[in-house]
């Protein structure tokens, strides 16, 4: 990856990640048996958990395909590494404030974005003094019937974390 082109987003819109995209041919299974997919995903997972909230959604998507990874999934992991290559100098920064710093939370969801079971994704981040202190991107436990319902479920999850 040392000669790879740098990309500006951790996960591009043209990637459609699904567990149904398991290897279809023996040739593809052979190719994927030589690819260190789980190791590569594991390497970036520690950054996602500790210092890189910008990787949360992308890593949660590639983790769905750990057991049945395909060449397309490997391309997504390489894309994440390309993004990471261009953003290694970024870090979490906290601003000094004269008044008491307060925790601020942001929450969002999408409706039925997951191609496999049509569940929505909850994403939230809590900041303190301008820097993120807690973040998550995860698939909701139940299927939402509308965008509003998905938003309420996301707000509920974020509220539990805030408490």
N, C-alpha and C. Protein backbone atom coordinates (compact mmCIF):
# COMPACT_ATOMS: atom_id res chain seq x y z
N UNK A 1 0.81 -1.20 0.00
CA UNK A 1 0.00 0.00 0.00
C UNK A 1 0.86 1.27 0.00
N UNK A 2 2.18 1.13 0.05
CA UNK A 2 3.03 2.32 0.13
C UNK A 2 2.94 3.18 -1.13
N UNK A 3 2.62 2.60 -2.27
CA UNK A 3 2.49 3.37 -3.51
C UNK A 3 1.03 3.65 -3.88
N UNK A 4 0.12 3.34 -2.97
CA UNK A 4 -1.31 3.48 -3.26
C UNK A 4 -1.73 4.95 -3.32
N UNK A 5 -2.72 5.22 -4.13
CA UNK A 5 -3.28 6.57 -4.25
C UNK A 5 -4.10 6.88 -2.99
N UNK A 6 -3.99 8.09 -2.51
CA UNK A 6 -4.73 8.53 -1.33
C UNK A 6 -6.15 8.88 -1.75
N UNK A 7 -7.14 8.49 -0.94
CA UNK A 7 -8.55 8.82 -1.20
C UNK A 7 -9.07 9.70 -0.07
N UNK A 8 -10.16 10.42 -0.33
CA UNK A 8 -10.64 11.43 0.62
C UNK A 8 -11.75 10.96 1.54
N UNK A 9 -12.33 9.78 1.32
CA UNK A 9 -13.40 9.29 2.18
C UNK A 9 -13.09 7.87 2.64
N UNK A 10 -13.51 7.50 3.87
CA UNK A 10 -13.21 6.15 4.35
C UNK A 10 -14.02 5.06 3.65
N UNK A 11 -15.17 5.40 3.08
CA UNK A 11 -15.98 4.41 2.38
C UNK A 11 -16.71 5.12 1.25
N UNK A 12 -16.44 4.73 0.01
CA UNK A 12 -17.04 5.39 -1.14
C UNK A 12 -18.45 4.86 -1.39
N UNK A 13 -19.27 5.69 -2.02
CA UNK A 13 -20.66 5.31 -2.31
C UNK A 13 -20.79 4.16 -3.30
N UNK A 14 -19.78 3.95 -4.14
CA UNK A 14 -19.91 2.91 -5.15
C UNK A 14 -19.71 1.51 -4.58
N UNK A 15 -19.28 1.39 -3.34
CA UNK A 15 -19.14 0.07 -2.72
C UNK A 15 -20.48 -0.37 -2.14
N UNK A 16 -20.96 -1.51 -2.55
CA UNK A 16 -22.19 -2.10 -2.01
C UNK A 16 -21.78 -3.37 -1.26
N UNK A 17 -21.79 -3.30 0.05
CA UNK A 17 -21.28 -4.40 0.87
C UNK A 17 -22.45 -5.26 1.33
N UNK A 18 -22.36 -6.56 1.02
CA UNK A 18 -23.39 -7.50 1.39
C UNK A 18 -22.76 -8.85 1.69
N UNK A 19 -23.31 -9.57 2.68
CA UNK A 19 -22.80 -10.91 2.97
C UNK A 19 -23.25 -11.90 1.90
N UNK A 20 -24.22 -11.52 1.09
CA UNK A 20 -24.65 -12.39 -0.01
C UNK A 20 -23.60 -12.46 -1.11
N UNK A 21 -22.65 -11.55 -1.10
CA UNK A 21 -21.61 -11.53 -2.11
C UNK A 21 -20.47 -12.47 -1.73
N UNK A 22 -20.79 -13.69 -1.33
CA UNK A 22 -19.74 -14.63 -0.96
C UNK A 22 -19.04 -15.14 -2.23
N UNK A 23 -17.85 -15.71 -2.09
CA UNK A 23 -17.13 -16.18 -3.27
C UNK A 23 -17.99 -17.12 -4.12
N UNK A 24 -18.05 -16.85 -5.41
CA UNK A 24 -18.92 -17.61 -6.31
C UNK A 24 -18.18 -18.72 -7.06
N UNK A 25 -16.90 -18.53 -7.29
CA UNK A 25 -16.15 -19.51 -8.07
C UNK A 25 -14.98 -20.05 -7.26
N UNK A 26 -14.46 -21.20 -7.70
CA UNK A 26 -13.30 -21.79 -7.03
C UNK A 26 -12.09 -20.86 -7.15
N UNK A 27 -11.98 -20.18 -8.29
CA UNK A 27 -10.88 -19.25 -8.51
C UNK A 27 -10.91 -18.11 -7.49
N UNK A 28 -12.11 -17.59 -7.23
CA UNK A 28 -12.23 -16.51 -6.27
C UNK A 28 -11.97 -17.02 -4.84
N UNK A 29 -12.40 -18.23 -4.53
CA UNK A 29 -12.12 -18.81 -3.22
C UNK A 29 -10.62 -18.99 -3.02
N UNK A 30 -9.91 -19.42 -4.07
CA UNK A 30 -8.45 -19.57 -3.99
C UNK A 30 -7.79 -18.22 -3.74
N UNK A 31 -8.24 -17.22 -4.49
CA UNK A 31 -7.68 -15.87 -4.33
C UNK A 31 -7.87 -15.38 -2.90
N UNK A 32 -9.08 -15.52 -2.37
CA UNK A 32 -9.38 -15.01 -1.03
C UNK A 32 -8.69 -15.82 0.06
N UNK A 33 -8.35 -17.07 -0.21
CA UNK A 33 -7.63 -17.85 0.81
C UNK A 33 -6.23 -17.32 1.05
N UNK A 34 -5.68 -16.59 0.07
CA UNK A 34 -4.34 -16.00 0.20
C UNK A 34 -4.37 -14.58 0.75
N UNK A 35 -5.55 -14.00 0.87
CA UNK A 35 -5.69 -12.62 1.30
C UNK A 35 -5.84 -12.56 2.82
N UNK A 36 -5.06 -11.72 3.49
CA UNK A 36 -5.16 -11.59 4.96
C UNK A 36 -6.30 -10.64 5.38
N UNK A 37 -7.51 -10.98 4.97
CA UNK A 37 -8.66 -10.10 5.18
C UNK A 37 -8.90 -9.82 6.66
N UNK A 38 -9.03 -10.87 7.46
CA UNK A 38 -9.33 -10.70 8.88
C UNK A 38 -8.20 -9.94 9.60
N UNK A 39 -6.98 -10.22 9.25
CA UNK A 39 -5.84 -9.51 9.87
C UNK A 39 -5.87 -8.02 9.53
N UNK A 40 -6.16 -7.71 8.29
CA UNK A 40 -6.20 -6.31 7.86
C UNK A 40 -7.33 -5.56 8.57
N UNK A 41 -8.50 -6.19 8.65
CA UNK A 41 -9.62 -5.56 9.33
C UNK A 41 -9.29 -5.38 10.81
N UNK A 42 -8.67 -6.38 11.41
CA UNK A 42 -8.28 -6.28 12.81
C UNK A 42 -7.31 -5.15 13.08
N UNK A 43 -6.40 -4.92 12.14
CA UNK A 43 -5.42 -3.83 12.30
C UNK A 43 -6.10 -2.47 12.38
N UNK A 44 -7.07 -2.22 11.52
CA UNK A 44 -7.72 -0.91 11.54
C UNK A 44 -8.79 -0.81 12.62
N UNK A 45 -9.25 -1.95 13.14
CA UNK A 45 -10.26 -1.91 14.20
C UNK A 45 -9.73 -1.24 15.46
N UNK A 46 -8.46 -1.46 15.78
CA UNK A 46 -7.93 -0.84 17.00
C UNK A 46 -7.89 0.68 16.85
N UNK A 47 -7.65 1.19 15.66
CA UNK A 47 -7.68 2.64 15.45
C UNK A 47 -9.11 3.16 15.56
N UNK A 48 -10.06 2.41 15.04
CA UNK A 48 -11.46 2.83 15.08
C UNK A 48 -11.92 2.93 16.53
N UNK A 49 -11.55 1.99 17.35
CA UNK A 49 -12.00 1.97 18.73
C UNK A 49 -11.33 3.06 19.56
N UNK A 50 -10.06 3.29 19.33
CA UNK A 50 -9.29 4.18 20.20
C UNK A 50 -9.21 5.63 19.76
N UNK A 51 -8.95 5.88 18.48
CA UNK A 51 -8.64 7.25 18.09
C UNK A 51 -9.25 7.73 16.79
N UNK A 52 -9.98 6.91 16.06
CA UNK A 52 -10.44 7.33 14.73
C UNK A 52 -11.95 7.13 14.55
N UNK A 53 -12.77 8.06 15.04
CA UNK A 53 -14.22 7.92 14.85
C UNK A 53 -14.63 7.99 13.38
N UNK A 54 -13.79 8.56 12.53
CA UNK A 54 -14.12 8.66 11.10
C UNK A 54 -14.13 7.29 10.43
N UNK A 55 -13.52 6.29 11.04
CA UNK A 55 -13.48 4.95 10.46
C UNK A 55 -14.59 4.04 10.97
N UNK A 56 -15.39 4.49 11.93
CA UNK A 56 -16.37 3.63 12.59
C UNK A 56 -17.33 2.97 11.61
N UNK A 57 -17.94 3.74 10.73
CA UNK A 57 -18.93 3.17 9.81
C UNK A 57 -18.28 2.23 8.80
N UNK A 58 -17.18 2.62 8.23
CA UNK A 58 -16.52 1.78 7.22
C UNK A 58 -16.10 0.43 7.81
N UNK A 59 -15.53 0.45 9.01
CA UNK A 59 -15.09 -0.80 9.63
C UNK A 59 -16.28 -1.66 10.02
N UNK A 60 -17.35 -1.06 10.51
CA UNK A 60 -18.52 -1.87 10.86
C UNK A 60 -19.09 -2.58 9.63
N UNK A 61 -18.96 -1.96 8.47
CA UNK A 61 -19.45 -2.59 7.24
C UNK A 61 -18.58 -3.77 6.81
N UNK A 62 -17.26 -3.62 6.85
CA UNK A 62 -16.41 -4.73 6.41
C UNK A 62 -16.37 -5.87 7.42
N UNK A 63 -16.69 -5.59 8.67
CA UNK A 63 -16.74 -6.65 9.69
C UNK A 63 -17.88 -7.62 9.44
N UNK A 64 -18.94 -7.17 8.78
CA UNK A 64 -20.07 -8.05 8.49
C UNK A 64 -19.65 -9.23 7.61
N UNK A 65 -18.59 -9.06 6.84
CA UNK A 65 -18.20 -10.04 5.83
C UNK A 65 -16.97 -10.85 6.24
N UNK A 66 -16.67 -10.92 7.52
CA UNK A 66 -15.46 -11.60 7.97
C UNK A 66 -15.41 -13.06 7.55
N UNK A 67 -16.51 -13.77 7.72
CA UNK A 67 -16.48 -15.22 7.44
C UNK A 67 -16.62 -15.55 5.96
N UNK A 68 -17.24 -14.67 5.19
CA UNK A 68 -17.47 -14.94 3.77
C UNK A 68 -16.97 -13.78 2.93
N UNK A 69 -15.73 -13.41 3.12
CA UNK A 69 -15.21 -12.27 2.38
C UNK A 69 -15.00 -12.62 0.91
N UNK A 70 -15.10 -11.62 0.10
CA UNK A 70 -14.99 -11.75 -1.35
C UNK A 70 -14.00 -10.70 -1.85
N UNK A 71 -13.59 -10.82 -3.08
CA UNK A 71 -12.63 -9.88 -3.65
C UNK A 71 -13.14 -8.44 -3.54
N UNK A 72 -14.43 -8.24 -3.72
CA UNK A 72 -15.03 -6.91 -3.60
C UNK A 72 -14.84 -6.37 -2.18
N UNK A 73 -14.98 -7.22 -1.18
CA UNK A 73 -14.79 -6.79 0.21
C UNK A 73 -13.34 -6.41 0.47
N UNK A 74 -12.42 -7.16 -0.13
CA UNK A 74 -11.00 -6.85 0.00
C UNK A 74 -10.68 -5.49 -0.62
N UNK A 75 -11.36 -5.15 -1.71
CA UNK A 75 -11.18 -3.84 -2.33
C UNK A 75 -11.61 -2.72 -1.38
N UNK A 76 -12.66 -2.97 -0.62
CA UNK A 76 -13.13 -1.97 0.36
C UNK A 76 -12.07 -1.79 1.45
N UNK A 77 -11.50 -2.90 1.95
CA UNK A 77 -10.47 -2.80 2.98
C UNK A 77 -9.26 -2.04 2.46
N UNK A 78 -8.86 -2.31 1.22
CA UNK A 78 -7.74 -1.57 0.65
C UNK A 78 -8.08 -0.09 0.52
N UNK A 79 -9.33 0.24 0.19
CA UNK A 79 -9.77 1.62 0.10
C UNK A 79 -9.61 2.30 1.47
N UNK A 80 -9.99 1.60 2.54
CA UNK A 80 -9.86 2.15 3.89
C UNK A 80 -8.39 2.44 4.20
N UNK A 81 -7.50 1.53 3.80
CA UNK A 81 -6.07 1.76 4.00
C UNK A 81 -5.58 2.97 3.20
N UNK A 82 -6.11 3.15 2.00
CA UNK A 82 -5.75 4.32 1.20
C UNK A 82 -6.19 5.60 1.89
N UNK A 83 -7.39 5.58 2.46
CA UNK A 83 -7.87 6.73 3.22
C UNK A 83 -6.99 6.96 4.44
N UNK A 84 -6.67 5.89 5.13
CA UNK A 84 -5.84 5.99 6.33
C UNK A 84 -4.46 6.55 6.00
N UNK A 85 -3.92 6.16 4.85
CA UNK A 85 -2.61 6.65 4.43
C UNK A 85 -2.59 8.17 4.31
N UNK A 86 -3.67 8.74 3.81
CA UNK A 86 -3.73 10.18 3.62
C UNK A 86 -4.12 10.96 4.86
N UNK A 87 -4.51 10.26 5.93
CA UNK A 87 -4.98 10.96 7.12
C UNK A 87 -4.20 10.58 8.37
N UNK A 88 -2.99 10.08 8.23
CA UNK A 88 -2.21 9.65 9.40
C UNK A 88 -1.83 10.81 10.31
N UNK A 89 -1.80 12.01 9.78
CA UNK A 89 -1.44 13.16 10.61
C UNK A 89 -2.63 13.71 11.40
N UNK A 90 -3.83 13.21 11.14
CA UNK A 90 -5.01 13.67 11.87
C UNK A 90 -5.06 13.04 13.25
N UNK A 91 -5.66 13.74 14.18
CA UNK A 91 -5.82 13.23 15.52
C UNK A 91 -6.96 13.94 16.22
N UNK A 92 -7.28 13.49 17.40
CA UNK A 92 -8.33 14.11 18.19
C UNK A 92 -7.74 15.29 18.93
N UNK A 93 -8.38 16.43 18.78
CA UNK A 93 -7.91 17.66 19.42
C UNK A 93 -9.01 18.17 20.36
N UNK A 94 -8.61 18.66 21.51
CA UNK A 94 -9.53 19.27 22.46
C UNK A 94 -9.17 20.74 22.59
N UNK A 95 -10.19 21.61 22.56
CA UNK A 95 -9.99 23.05 22.67
C UNK A 95 -9.98 23.46 24.14
N UNK A 96 -9.15 24.43 24.44
CA UNK A 96 -9.20 25.01 25.77
C UNK A 96 -10.38 25.97 25.80
N UNK A 97 -11.12 25.94 26.88
CA UNK A 97 -12.27 26.84 27.00
C UNK A 97 -12.18 27.57 28.33
N UNK A 98 -12.64 28.79 28.34
CA UNK A 98 -12.65 29.59 29.57
C UNK A 98 -13.75 29.12 30.52
N UNK A 99 -14.90 28.79 29.98
CA UNK A 99 -16.01 28.34 30.82
C UNK A 99 -15.93 26.82 30.99
N UNK A 100 -16.89 26.28 31.71
CA UNK A 100 -16.91 24.84 31.93
C UNK A 100 -17.23 24.12 30.61
N UNK A 101 -16.41 23.14 30.23
CA UNK A 101 -16.73 22.38 29.02
C UNK A 101 -17.96 21.48 29.25
N UNK A 102 -18.74 21.28 28.20
CA UNK A 102 -19.92 20.43 28.31
C UNK A 102 -19.89 19.35 27.23
N UNK A 103 -20.57 18.28 27.52
CA UNK A 103 -20.67 17.18 26.57
C UNK A 103 -21.78 17.51 25.58
N UNK A 104 -21.47 17.38 24.29
CA UNK A 104 -22.44 17.63 23.22
C UNK A 104 -22.56 16.34 22.41
N UNK A 105 -23.78 15.94 22.11
CA UNK A 105 -24.01 14.71 21.36
C UNK A 105 -24.66 14.97 20.02
N UNK A 106 -24.27 14.16 19.05
CA UNK A 106 -24.86 14.19 17.71
C UNK A 106 -25.28 12.78 17.37
N UNK A 107 -26.47 12.63 16.79
CA UNK A 107 -26.97 11.30 16.45
C UNK A 107 -27.63 11.34 15.07
N UNK A 108 -27.52 10.25 14.35
CA UNK A 108 -28.13 10.16 13.02
C UNK A 108 -28.42 8.69 12.74
N UNK A 109 -29.30 8.45 11.81
CA UNK A 109 -29.58 7.09 11.35
C UNK A 109 -29.91 7.13 9.88
N UNK A 110 -29.88 5.97 9.27
CA UNK A 110 -30.38 5.86 7.90
C UNK A 110 -31.50 4.84 7.94
N UNK A 111 -32.32 4.82 6.94
CA UNK A 111 -33.44 3.89 6.93
C UNK A 111 -33.17 2.76 5.95
N UNK A 112 -33.04 1.56 6.47
CA UNK A 112 -32.92 0.33 5.68
C UNK A 112 -31.74 0.35 4.72
N UNK A 113 -30.60 0.88 5.15
CA UNK A 113 -29.42 0.94 4.28
C UNK A 113 -28.77 -0.43 4.13
N UNK A 114 -28.88 -1.27 5.14
CA UNK A 114 -28.25 -2.58 5.10
C UNK A 114 -28.92 -3.44 4.02
N UNK A 115 -28.13 -3.90 3.06
CA UNK A 115 -28.69 -4.64 1.93
C UNK A 115 -29.11 -6.06 2.30
N UNK A 116 -28.59 -6.59 3.38
CA UNK A 116 -28.86 -7.98 3.73
C UNK A 116 -30.19 -8.16 4.45
N UNK A 117 -30.48 -7.33 5.43
CA UNK A 117 -31.72 -7.53 6.19
C UNK A 117 -32.56 -6.27 6.35
N UNK A 118 -32.21 -5.22 5.61
CA UNK A 118 -32.96 -3.96 5.55
C UNK A 118 -33.04 -3.25 6.90
N UNK A 119 -32.11 -3.52 7.80
CA UNK A 119 -32.08 -2.81 9.06
C UNK A 119 -31.35 -1.47 8.89
N UNK A 120 -31.68 -0.55 9.75
CA UNK A 120 -31.08 0.79 9.69
C UNK A 120 -29.79 0.82 10.51
N UNK A 121 -28.99 1.83 10.28
CA UNK A 121 -27.74 2.01 11.00
C UNK A 121 -27.85 3.23 11.89
N UNK A 122 -27.43 3.06 13.15
CA UNK A 122 -27.37 4.15 14.11
C UNK A 122 -25.94 4.64 14.20
N UNK A 123 -25.76 5.95 14.15
CA UNK A 123 -24.44 6.54 14.32
C UNK A 123 -24.56 7.68 15.31
N UNK A 124 -23.63 7.74 16.27
CA UNK A 124 -23.61 8.88 17.16
C UNK A 124 -22.19 9.18 17.62
N UNK A 125 -22.01 10.42 18.07
CA UNK A 125 -20.73 10.86 18.61
C UNK A 125 -21.02 11.86 19.72
N UNK A 126 -20.26 11.75 20.80
CA UNK A 126 -20.32 12.71 21.89
C UNK A 126 -18.97 13.42 21.96
N UNK A 127 -19.04 14.74 22.10
CA UNK A 127 -17.80 15.54 22.14
C UNK A 127 -17.70 16.25 23.48
N UNK A 128 -16.47 16.53 23.86
CA UNK A 128 -16.17 17.32 25.04
C UNK A 128 -15.04 18.26 24.66
N UNK A 129 -15.25 19.54 24.85
CA UNK A 129 -14.26 20.55 24.48
C UNK A 129 -13.86 20.43 23.01
N UNK A 130 -14.82 20.10 22.16
CA UNK A 130 -14.58 20.05 20.72
C UNK A 130 -13.99 18.75 20.20
N UNK A 131 -13.66 17.82 21.06
CA UNK A 131 -13.07 16.55 20.62
C UNK A 131 -13.98 15.38 20.94
N UNK A 132 -14.03 14.37 20.08
CA UNK A 132 -14.90 13.22 20.33
C UNK A 132 -14.40 12.39 21.51
N UNK A 133 -15.33 11.99 22.36
CA UNK A 133 -14.97 11.14 23.50
C UNK A 133 -15.66 9.79 23.46
N UNK A 134 -16.75 9.66 22.68
CA UNK A 134 -17.47 8.40 22.53
C UNK A 134 -18.15 8.41 21.18
N UNK A 135 -18.06 7.30 20.43
CA UNK A 135 -18.70 7.23 19.13
C UNK A 135 -19.08 5.80 18.82
N UNK A 136 -20.06 5.64 17.95
CA UNK A 136 -20.48 4.31 17.54
C UNK A 136 -21.21 4.38 16.20
N UNK A 137 -21.05 3.33 15.43
CA UNK A 137 -21.83 3.11 14.22
C UNK A 137 -22.22 1.65 14.24
N UNK A 138 -23.52 1.37 14.38
CA UNK A 138 -23.95 -0.02 14.49
C UNK A 138 -25.32 -0.21 13.85
N UNK A 139 -25.58 -1.44 13.47
CA UNK A 139 -26.87 -1.79 12.87
C UNK A 139 -27.90 -1.90 13.98
N UNK A 140 -29.10 -1.37 13.73
CA UNK A 140 -30.17 -1.43 14.72
C UNK A 140 -30.67 -2.86 14.88
N UNK A 141 -31.19 -3.16 16.07
CA UNK A 141 -31.60 -4.53 16.40
C UNK A 141 -32.88 -4.97 15.69
N UNK A 142 -33.75 -4.04 15.37
CA UNK A 142 -35.01 -4.38 14.71
C UNK A 142 -35.15 -3.57 13.42
N UNK A 143 -36.02 -4.01 12.55
CA UNK A 143 -36.26 -3.31 11.29
C UNK A 143 -37.23 -2.15 11.54
N UNK A 144 -36.82 -0.96 11.15
CA UNK A 144 -37.67 0.22 11.31
C UNK A 144 -38.67 0.28 10.15
N UNK A 145 -39.87 0.71 10.47
CA UNK A 145 -40.91 0.82 9.44
C UNK A 145 -40.86 2.15 8.70
N UNK A 146 -40.12 3.12 9.24
CA UNK A 146 -40.02 4.43 8.59
C UNK A 146 -38.72 5.10 9.02
N UNK A 147 -38.39 6.17 8.34
CA UNK A 147 -37.22 6.96 8.70
C UNK A 147 -37.37 7.55 10.09
N UNK A 148 -38.57 8.00 10.41
CA UNK A 148 -38.82 8.58 11.73
C UNK A 148 -38.59 7.55 12.83
N UNK A 149 -39.08 6.35 12.63
CA UNK A 149 -38.89 5.30 13.63
C UNK A 149 -37.40 4.96 13.78
N UNK A 150 -36.66 4.92 12.68
CA UNK A 150 -35.22 4.67 12.75
C UNK A 150 -34.52 5.77 13.52
N UNK A 151 -34.96 7.03 13.30
CA UNK A 151 -34.37 8.15 14.03
C UNK A 151 -34.66 8.07 15.52
N UNK A 152 -35.89 7.69 15.90
CA UNK A 152 -36.22 7.56 17.32
C UNK A 152 -35.42 6.44 17.98
N UNK A 153 -35.24 5.34 17.29
CA UNK A 153 -34.44 4.25 17.86
C UNK A 153 -32.99 4.69 18.03
N UNK A 154 -32.47 5.44 17.06
CA UNK A 154 -31.10 5.95 17.16
C UNK A 154 -30.99 6.92 18.34
N UNK A 155 -31.96 7.80 18.49
CA UNK A 155 -31.95 8.75 19.60
C UNK A 155 -32.01 8.03 20.94
N UNK A 156 -32.76 6.94 20.99
CA UNK A 156 -32.85 6.15 22.22
C UNK A 156 -31.52 5.51 22.58
N UNK A 157 -30.85 4.94 21.60
CA UNK A 157 -29.54 4.33 21.84
C UNK A 157 -28.53 5.37 22.29
N UNK A 158 -28.53 6.51 21.62
CA UNK A 158 -27.58 7.57 21.99
C UNK A 158 -27.89 8.10 23.39
N UNK A 159 -29.15 8.20 23.74
CA UNK A 159 -29.53 8.67 25.08
C UNK A 159 -29.05 7.72 26.16
N UNK A 160 -29.15 6.42 25.90
CA UNK A 160 -28.63 5.44 26.87
C UNK A 160 -27.13 5.61 27.08
N UNK A 161 -26.40 5.84 26.00
CA UNK A 161 -24.97 6.06 26.11
C UNK A 161 -24.66 7.36 26.85
N UNK A 162 -25.48 8.38 26.60
CA UNK A 162 -25.24 9.68 27.24
C UNK A 162 -25.41 9.55 28.76
N UNK A 163 -26.40 8.78 29.17
CA UNK A 163 -26.62 8.60 30.62
C UNK A 163 -25.49 7.81 31.23
